[in-house]
N, C-alpha and C. Protein backbone atom coordinates (compact mmCIF):
# COMPACT_ATOMS: atom_id res chain seq x y z
N MET A 1 -14.32 2.55 1.74
CA MET A 1 -13.88 1.49 2.52
C MET A 1 -12.90 1.80 3.84
N ALA A 2 -13.29 1.16 4.99
CA ALA A 2 -12.71 1.38 6.04
C ALA A 2 -11.57 0.47 6.06
N PRO A 3 -10.41 0.61 6.77
CA PRO A 3 -9.39 -0.41 6.67
C PRO A 3 -9.73 -1.41 8.23
N PRO A 4 -9.48 -2.65 7.72
CA PRO A 4 -9.33 -3.58 8.79
C PRO A 4 -8.92 -3.01 9.84
N PRO A 5 -9.39 -3.86 11.41
CA PRO A 5 -9.51 -3.53 12.74
C PRO A 5 -7.61 -3.93 12.79
N ASP A 6 -7.23 -5.09 12.04
CA ASP A 6 -5.83 -5.08 12.47
C ASP A 6 -5.17 -4.75 10.94
N ALA A 7 -4.59 -3.42 10.92
CA ALA A 7 -4.55 -2.63 9.86
C ALA A 7 -2.87 -3.03 9.43
N ALA A 8 -2.21 -3.83 9.75
CA ALA A 8 -0.86 -3.76 9.39
C ALA A 8 -0.66 -5.02 8.73
N LEU A 9 0.36 -4.62 7.54
CA LEU A 9 0.52 -5.78 6.51
C LEU A 9 2.28 -6.21 6.40
N THR A 10 2.47 -7.26 6.39
CA THR A 10 3.97 -7.23 5.89
C THR A 10 4.03 -7.20 4.50
N ALA A 11 5.59 -7.26 4.22
CA ALA A 11 5.96 -6.92 2.58
C ALA A 11 5.27 -7.76 1.77
N VAL A 12 5.24 -9.30 2.08
CA VAL A 12 4.77 -10.21 1.10
C VAL A 12 3.13 -9.83 1.41
N GLN A 13 2.42 -9.86 2.34
CA GLN A 13 1.08 -9.28 2.13
C GLN A 13 0.62 -8.21 1.58
N PHE A 14 1.69 -7.05 1.20
CA PHE A 14 1.38 -5.92 0.59
C PHE A 14 1.62 -6.55 -0.77
N GLU A 15 2.44 -7.17 -1.24
CA GLU A 15 2.74 -7.82 -2.43
C GLU A 15 1.64 -8.39 -3.22
N ILE A 16 0.75 -9.44 -2.07
CA ILE A 16 -0.44 -9.76 -2.84
C ILE A 16 -1.46 -8.79 -3.00
N MET A 17 -1.65 -7.88 -2.03
CA MET A 17 -2.69 -7.00 -2.03
C MET A 17 -2.46 -6.38 -3.41
N GLN A 18 -1.06 -5.76 -3.87
CA GLN A 18 -0.74 -5.09 -5.05
C GLN A 18 -1.19 -5.94 -6.37
N ALA A 19 -1.12 -7.05 -6.21
CA ALA A 19 -1.66 -7.99 -7.57
C ALA A 19 -3.23 -7.96 -7.58
N VAL A 20 -3.63 -7.82 -6.73
CA VAL A 20 -5.35 -7.84 -6.37
C VAL A 20 -5.57 -6.13 -6.90
N TRP A 21 -4.78 -5.69 -6.22
CA TRP A 21 -5.47 -4.03 -7.02
C TRP A 21 -5.43 -4.06 -8.46
N SER A 22 -4.29 -4.52 -8.94
CA SER A 22 -3.89 -4.37 -10.49
C SER A 22 -4.94 -5.18 -10.79
N ALA A 23 -6.00 -6.02 -10.40
CA ALA A 23 -6.72 -6.73 -11.27
C ALA A 23 -8.24 -6.02 -10.96
N PRO A 24 -8.95 -5.46 -11.95
CA PRO A 24 -10.17 -4.86 -11.42
C PRO A 24 -11.60 -5.68 -11.12
N GLU A 25 -11.15 -7.11 -11.91
CA GLU A 25 -12.56 -7.61 -11.38
C GLU A 25 -11.95 -8.47 -10.38
N GLY A 26 -10.86 -8.27 -9.59
CA GLY A 26 -10.67 -9.25 -8.62
C GLY A 26 -9.39 -10.31 -9.48
N ALA A 27 -8.93 -10.95 -8.37
CA ALA A 27 -8.06 -12.04 -8.84
C ALA A 27 -7.71 -13.18 -7.94
N THR A 28 -7.60 -14.46 -8.99
CA THR A 28 -7.51 -15.57 -8.27
C THR A 28 -6.44 -15.88 -7.46
N VAL A 29 -6.64 -16.90 -6.86
CA VAL A 29 -4.96 -17.17 -6.25
C VAL A 29 -3.90 -17.52 -7.34
N ALA A 30 -4.09 -18.20 -8.27
CA ALA A 30 -3.49 -18.57 -9.34
C ALA A 30 -3.08 -17.33 -10.11
N GLU A 31 -3.80 -16.52 -10.14
CA GLU A 31 -3.49 -15.05 -10.91
C GLU A 31 -2.59 -14.16 -10.04
N ILE A 32 -2.93 -14.32 -8.48
CA ILE A 32 -2.02 -13.80 -7.53
C ILE A 32 -0.46 -14.32 -7.58
N TRP A 33 -0.58 -15.49 -7.76
CA TRP A 33 0.93 -16.29 -7.39
C TRP A 33 1.49 -16.28 -9.14
N GLU A 34 1.06 -15.76 -9.92
CA GLU A 34 1.78 -15.60 -11.20
C GLU A 34 2.09 -14.49 -11.41
N ALA A 35 1.24 -13.01 -10.85
CA ALA A 35 1.90 -12.09 -10.77
C ALA A 35 3.33 -11.75 -9.71
N ILE A 36 3.27 -12.61 -8.68
CA ILE A 36 4.31 -12.41 -7.69
C ILE A 36 5.22 -13.24 -8.51
N THR A 37 5.40 -14.46 -9.05
CA THR A 37 6.31 -15.19 -9.50
C THR A 37 7.24 -14.73 -10.81
N ARG A 38 6.58 -13.52 -11.21
CA ARG A 38 7.20 -12.85 -12.32
C ARG A 38 8.50 -12.01 -11.69
N GLN A 39 8.23 -11.67 -10.59
CA GLN A 39 9.49 -11.17 -9.69
C GLN A 39 10.31 -11.97 -8.71
N ARG A 40 9.86 -12.94 -8.37
CA ARG A 40 10.61 -13.89 -7.47
C ARG A 40 9.79 -15.40 -7.34
N GLU A 41 10.32 -16.23 -6.85
CA GLU A 41 9.81 -17.63 -6.74
C GLU A 41 9.07 -17.27 -5.27
N VAL A 42 7.89 -18.36 -5.43
CA VAL A 42 7.26 -18.29 -4.47
C VAL A 42 6.03 -19.71 -4.42
N ALA A 43 6.17 -20.41 -3.55
CA ALA A 43 5.46 -21.31 -3.72
C ALA A 43 3.73 -20.97 -3.51
N ARG A 44 3.30 -21.77 -4.52
CA ARG A 44 1.79 -21.27 -5.11
C ARG A 44 0.81 -21.64 -3.46
N THR A 45 1.33 -22.53 -2.54
CA THR A 45 0.65 -23.18 -1.46
C THR A 45 0.71 -21.84 -0.30
N THR A 46 2.12 -21.03 -0.40
CA THR A 46 2.19 -19.98 0.41
C THR A 46 1.55 -19.01 0.15
N VAL A 47 0.98 -18.47 -1.45
CA VAL A 47 0.12 -17.75 -1.63
C VAL A 47 -1.03 -17.83 -1.26
N LEU A 48 -1.84 -19.13 -1.18
CA LEU A 48 -3.02 -19.66 -0.80
C LEU A 48 -3.25 -19.18 0.51
N ASN A 49 -2.04 -19.61 1.45
CA ASN A 49 -2.28 -19.67 3.00
C ASN A 49 -2.36 -17.63 3.16
N LEU A 50 -1.34 -17.31 2.41
CA LEU A 50 -1.45 -15.78 2.93
C LEU A 50 -2.78 -15.10 2.22
N VAL A 51 -3.32 -15.61 1.09
CA VAL A 51 -4.43 -15.01 0.84
C VAL A 51 -5.53 -15.41 1.85
N GLY A 52 -5.74 -16.53 2.19
CA GLY A 52 -6.73 -17.09 3.27
C GLY A 52 -6.61 -16.15 4.79
N ARG A 53 -5.35 -15.64 5.16
CA ARG A 53 -4.90 -15.11 6.13
C ARG A 53 -5.97 -13.48 5.91
N LEU A 54 -5.54 -12.82 4.76
CA LEU A 54 -5.73 -11.69 4.48
C LEU A 54 -7.47 -11.64 4.35
N GLU A 55 -7.79 -12.63 3.79
CA GLU A 55 -9.39 -12.83 3.94
C GLU A 55 -9.92 -12.85 5.37
N LYS A 56 -9.30 -13.68 6.15
CA LYS A 56 -9.90 -13.77 7.52
C LYS A 56 -9.53 -12.44 8.41
N ARG A 57 -8.45 -11.46 8.06
CA ARG A 57 -8.51 -10.50 8.64
C ARG A 57 -9.10 -9.24 8.14
N GLY A 58 -9.52 -9.45 7.01
CA GLY A 58 -10.40 -8.41 6.58
C GLY A 58 -10.00 -7.70 5.28
N TRP A 59 -8.88 -7.76 5.11
CA TRP A 59 -8.40 -7.25 3.79
C TRP A 59 -9.04 -7.65 2.34
N LEU A 60 -9.51 -8.81 2.40
CA LEU A 60 -9.77 -9.45 0.93
C LEU A 60 -11.03 -9.91 1.14
N LYS A 61 -12.12 -9.85 0.38
CA LYS A 61 -13.26 -10.62 0.21
C LYS A 61 -13.44 -11.29 -1.27
N ARG A 62 -14.15 -12.82 -1.04
CA ARG A 62 -13.75 -13.88 -2.03
C ARG A 62 -15.52 -13.86 -2.38
N ARG A 63 -15.32 -13.95 -3.85
CA ARG A 63 -16.61 -13.92 -4.48
C ARG A 63 -16.55 -15.23 -5.72
N LYS A 64 -17.74 -15.95 -5.72
CA LYS A 64 -17.27 -16.98 -6.70
C LYS A 64 -18.01 -16.75 -8.07
N CYS A 65 -17.12 -16.88 -8.89
CA CYS A 65 -17.31 -16.26 -10.12
C CYS A 65 -17.24 -17.02 -11.29
N GLU A 66 -17.96 -17.65 -12.11
CA GLU A 66 -17.53 -18.67 -13.05
C GLU A 66 -16.91 -20.09 -12.69
N GLY A 67 -17.48 -20.51 -11.19
CA GLY A 67 -16.65 -21.61 -11.09
C GLY A 67 -15.44 -21.65 -9.88
N VAL A 68 -14.85 -20.26 -10.12
CA VAL A 68 -13.58 -20.07 -9.26
C VAL A 68 -13.89 -19.02 -8.38
N TYR A 69 -13.15 -18.80 -7.38
CA TYR A 69 -12.95 -17.75 -6.36
C TYR A 69 -11.93 -16.63 -6.92
N ARG A 70 -12.75 -15.61 -6.87
CA ARG A 70 -11.92 -14.20 -7.28
C ARG A 70 -11.69 -13.36 -6.09
N TYR A 71 -10.46 -12.99 -5.34
CA TYR A 71 -10.72 -12.25 -4.45
C TYR A 71 -10.41 -10.62 -4.80
N VAL A 72 -11.17 -9.73 -3.92
CA VAL A 72 -11.17 -8.42 -4.20
C VAL A 72 -10.87 -7.82 -3.05
N ALA A 73 -10.13 -6.43 -3.28
CA ALA A 73 -9.63 -6.04 -1.89
C ALA A 73 -11.05 -4.91 -1.16
N THR A 74 -10.97 -5.03 0.24
CA THR A 74 -12.08 -4.65 0.87
C THR A 74 -11.54 -2.97 1.21
N VAL A 75 -10.38 -2.50 0.88
CA VAL A 75 -9.75 -1.20 1.12
C VAL A 75 -9.18 -0.89 -0.20
N GLU A 76 -9.43 0.45 -0.93
CA GLU A 76 -8.63 0.95 -1.77
C GLU A 76 -7.08 0.75 -1.51
N ARG A 77 -6.50 0.72 -2.63
CA ARG A 77 -4.89 1.07 -2.81
C ARG A 77 -4.67 2.33 -1.78
N ALA A 78 -5.19 3.78 -2.24
CA ALA A 78 -4.70 4.80 -1.91
C ALA A 78 -4.83 4.98 -0.25
N ALA A 79 -6.32 4.43 0.29
CA ALA A 79 -6.35 4.46 1.66
C ALA A 79 -5.52 3.33 2.40
N ALA A 80 -5.31 2.28 1.85
CA ALA A 80 -4.31 1.17 2.48
C ALA A 80 -2.78 2.01 2.72
N THR A 81 -2.43 2.47 1.38
CA THR A 81 -1.00 2.76 1.50
C THR A 81 -0.77 4.29 2.34
N THR A 82 -1.92 5.13 2.52
CA THR A 82 -1.81 6.32 3.56
C THR A 82 -1.56 5.66 5.06
N LEU A 83 -2.42 4.74 4.94
CA LEU A 83 -2.59 4.04 6.67
C LEU A 83 -1.39 3.45 7.14
N LEU A 84 -1.09 2.70 6.18
CA LEU A 84 0.59 1.72 6.40
C LEU A 84 1.51 2.86 6.37
N THR A 85 1.32 4.17 5.71
CA THR A 85 2.67 5.02 5.76
C THR A 85 2.65 5.67 7.22
N GLU A 86 1.09 5.98 7.55
CA GLU A 86 0.83 6.75 8.88
C GLU A 86 1.53 5.89 10.14
N ARG A 87 1.15 4.52 9.86
CA ARG A 87 1.73 3.45 11.00
C ARG A 87 3.13 3.51 11.24
N PHE A 88 3.70 3.60 9.89
CA PHE A 88 5.26 3.48 9.74
C PHE A 88 6.07 4.84 10.39
N VAL A 89 5.44 5.64 9.87
CA VAL A 89 5.86 7.22 10.54
C VAL A 89 5.72 7.29 12.00
N ASP A 90 4.38 6.55 12.28
CA ASP A 90 4.44 6.94 14.03
C ASP A 90 5.13 5.56 14.70
N ASP A 91 5.34 4.24 14.01
CA ASP A 91 6.17 3.27 14.55
C ASP A 91 7.79 3.75 14.61
N PHE A 92 8.20 3.97 13.74
CA PHE A 92 9.78 4.33 13.36
C PHE A 92 10.31 5.68 13.64
N PHE A 93 9.28 6.55 13.72
CA PHE A 93 9.67 7.98 13.56
C PHE A 93 8.93 8.87 14.63
N GLY A 94 8.27 8.13 15.59
CA GLY A 94 7.37 9.19 16.38
C GLY A 94 6.79 9.95 15.88
N GLY A 95 6.05 9.58 14.79
CA GLY A 95 5.02 10.07 14.30
C GLY A 95 5.41 11.56 13.58
N SER A 96 6.66 11.50 13.25
CA SER A 96 7.23 12.72 12.36
C SER A 96 7.74 12.56 11.05
N ALA A 97 6.94 13.16 10.38
CA ALA A 97 7.19 12.93 8.95
C ALA A 97 8.63 13.23 8.42
N ALA A 98 9.07 14.47 9.16
CA ALA A 98 10.25 15.28 8.75
C ALA A 98 11.35 14.45 9.36
N GLU A 99 11.31 13.56 10.38
CA GLU A 99 12.32 12.70 10.34
C GLU A 99 12.40 11.55 9.69
N LEU A 100 11.56 11.02 9.04
CA LEU A 100 11.53 10.07 7.82
C LEU A 100 12.35 10.82 6.76
N VAL A 101 11.65 12.19 6.21
CA VAL A 101 12.42 12.77 4.94
C VAL A 101 13.89 12.94 5.55
N LEU A 102 14.52 13.47 6.75
CA LEU A 102 15.64 13.46 6.83
C LEU A 102 16.64 12.34 7.02
N ASN A 103 15.90 11.33 7.52
CA ASN A 103 16.50 10.11 7.49
C ASN A 103 16.84 9.63 5.87
N LEU A 104 15.83 9.96 5.18
CA LEU A 104 16.17 9.17 3.64
C LEU A 104 16.85 10.21 2.94
N LEU A 105 17.13 11.55 3.42
CA LEU A 105 18.21 12.34 2.84
C LEU A 105 19.50 11.94 3.44
N GLY A 106 19.47 11.49 4.52
CA GLY A 106 20.91 11.31 5.19
C GLY A 106 21.34 9.63 4.56
N SER A 107 20.52 9.42 4.13
CA SER A 107 20.68 7.83 3.56
C SER A 107 21.20 7.84 2.15
N GLN A 108 20.92 8.93 1.50
CA GLN A 108 21.33 8.91 0.10
C GLN A 108 20.39 8.02 -0.72
N GLN A 109 18.95 7.99 -0.19
CA GLN A 109 17.98 7.11 -1.01
C GLN A 109 17.13 7.96 -1.99
N ILE A 110 17.08 9.27 -1.57
CA ILE A 110 16.56 10.23 -2.47
C ILE A 110 17.33 10.78 -3.64
N LYS A 111 17.00 10.91 -4.71
CA LYS A 111 17.68 11.00 -5.93
C LYS A 111 17.10 12.67 -6.03
N PRO A 112 18.19 13.29 -6.52
CA PRO A 112 17.79 15.03 -6.70
C PRO A 112 16.64 15.25 -7.82
N ALA A 113 15.99 14.39 -8.44
CA ALA A 113 14.92 14.92 -8.98
C ALA A 113 13.45 14.63 -8.12
N GLU A 114 14.20 13.82 -7.32
CA GLU A 114 12.86 13.54 -6.17
C GLU A 114 13.14 14.64 -5.34
N ILE A 115 14.01 15.01 -4.95
CA ILE A 115 14.22 16.19 -3.96
C ILE A 115 13.42 17.29 -4.64
N ASP A 116 13.94 17.60 -6.00
CA ASP A 116 12.80 18.91 -6.69
C ASP A 116 11.51 18.92 -6.19
N HIS A 117 10.91 17.28 -7.05
CA HIS A 117 9.60 16.91 -6.62
C HIS A 117 8.92 17.47 -4.87
N LEU A 118 9.85 16.83 -4.19
CA LEU A 118 9.35 16.92 -2.80
C LEU A 118 9.33 18.52 -2.47
N ARG A 119 10.05 19.39 -3.24
CA ARG A 119 10.31 20.89 -2.54
C ARG A 119 9.01 21.33 -3.20
N ARG A 120 8.50 20.89 -4.83
CA ARG A 120 7.46 21.68 -5.20
C ARG A 120 6.40 21.09 -4.41
N LEU A 121 5.89 19.91 -4.11
CA LEU A 121 4.74 19.37 -3.14
C LEU A 121 4.70 20.22 -1.96
N LEU A 122 6.04 20.36 -1.42
CA LEU A 122 6.10 21.32 0.07
C LEU A 122 5.37 22.55 -0.42
N THR A 123 6.12 22.78 -1.28
CA THR A 123 5.64 24.49 -1.88
C THR A 123 3.76 24.85 -1.91
N ASP A 124 3.47 23.59 -2.74
CA ASP A 124 1.96 23.72 -3.06
C ASP A 124 1.09 23.40 -2.11
N ALA A 125 1.94 22.57 -0.80
CA ALA A 125 1.08 22.23 0.44
C ALA A 125 1.08 23.59 1.31
N ASP A 126 2.12 24.37 1.41
CA ASP A 126 2.29 25.50 1.95
C ASP A 126 1.39 26.67 1.61
N ARG A 127 1.24 26.39 0.14
CA ARG A 127 0.23 27.58 -0.42
C ARG A 127 -1.10 27.19 -0.16
N SER A 128 -1.62 25.62 -0.04
CA SER A 128 -2.76 25.74 0.02
C SER A 128 -2.99 25.81 1.44
N LYS A 129 -2.54 26.03 2.48
CA LYS A 129 -2.71 25.97 4.14
C LYS A 129 -2.80 27.68 4.10
N LYS A 130 -2.41 28.31 3.39
CA LYS A 130 -2.10 30.05 3.87
C LYS A 130 -3.31 30.56 3.49
N PRO A 131 -4.04 31.50 4.49
CA PRO A 131 -5.32 32.15 3.98
C PRO A 131 -5.56 32.94 2.83
N GLN A 132 -5.95 32.87 2.15
CA GLN A 132 -6.21 33.57 0.59
C GLN A 132 -6.62 35.13 1.20
N GLY A 133 -5.92 35.91 0.26
CA GLY A 133 -6.24 37.15 0.55
C GLY A 133 -7.17 37.84 -0.05
N ARG A 134 -7.68 39.17 0.76
CA ARG A 134 -9.18 39.32 0.60
C ARG A 134 -9.00 40.44 -0.75
N ASN A 135 -9.73 40.72 -1.87
CA ASN A 135 -9.66 41.54 -2.81
C ASN A 135 -10.19 42.79 -2.25
């Protein structure tokens, strides 16, 4: 699934997308609203308006199922998070993932266990990019 041409999402729109991605058969506006209100208060009409905007922008597709509209994502969660992360790094860190990590390290936002995990990921990525030796 290709991302919509207007690929930016606000935090609230991403929250709606997460509710939809969590529903394998798609979600109604009521189900999306219920998922969000478990975390914070929001008016149902606000969710309805935002779902409509996401549909118009190509992030959601509406299907009628048993008399109600169910919304399904047009972009898989992994593809969307990759796209949004790349855009964030481009917009705020000049395209440098290292600058993002340095800022996180400097702000004490990363826990020691997360640093260890990052080390393992970087080591694995480095190994996979090195040419394999010939036998």
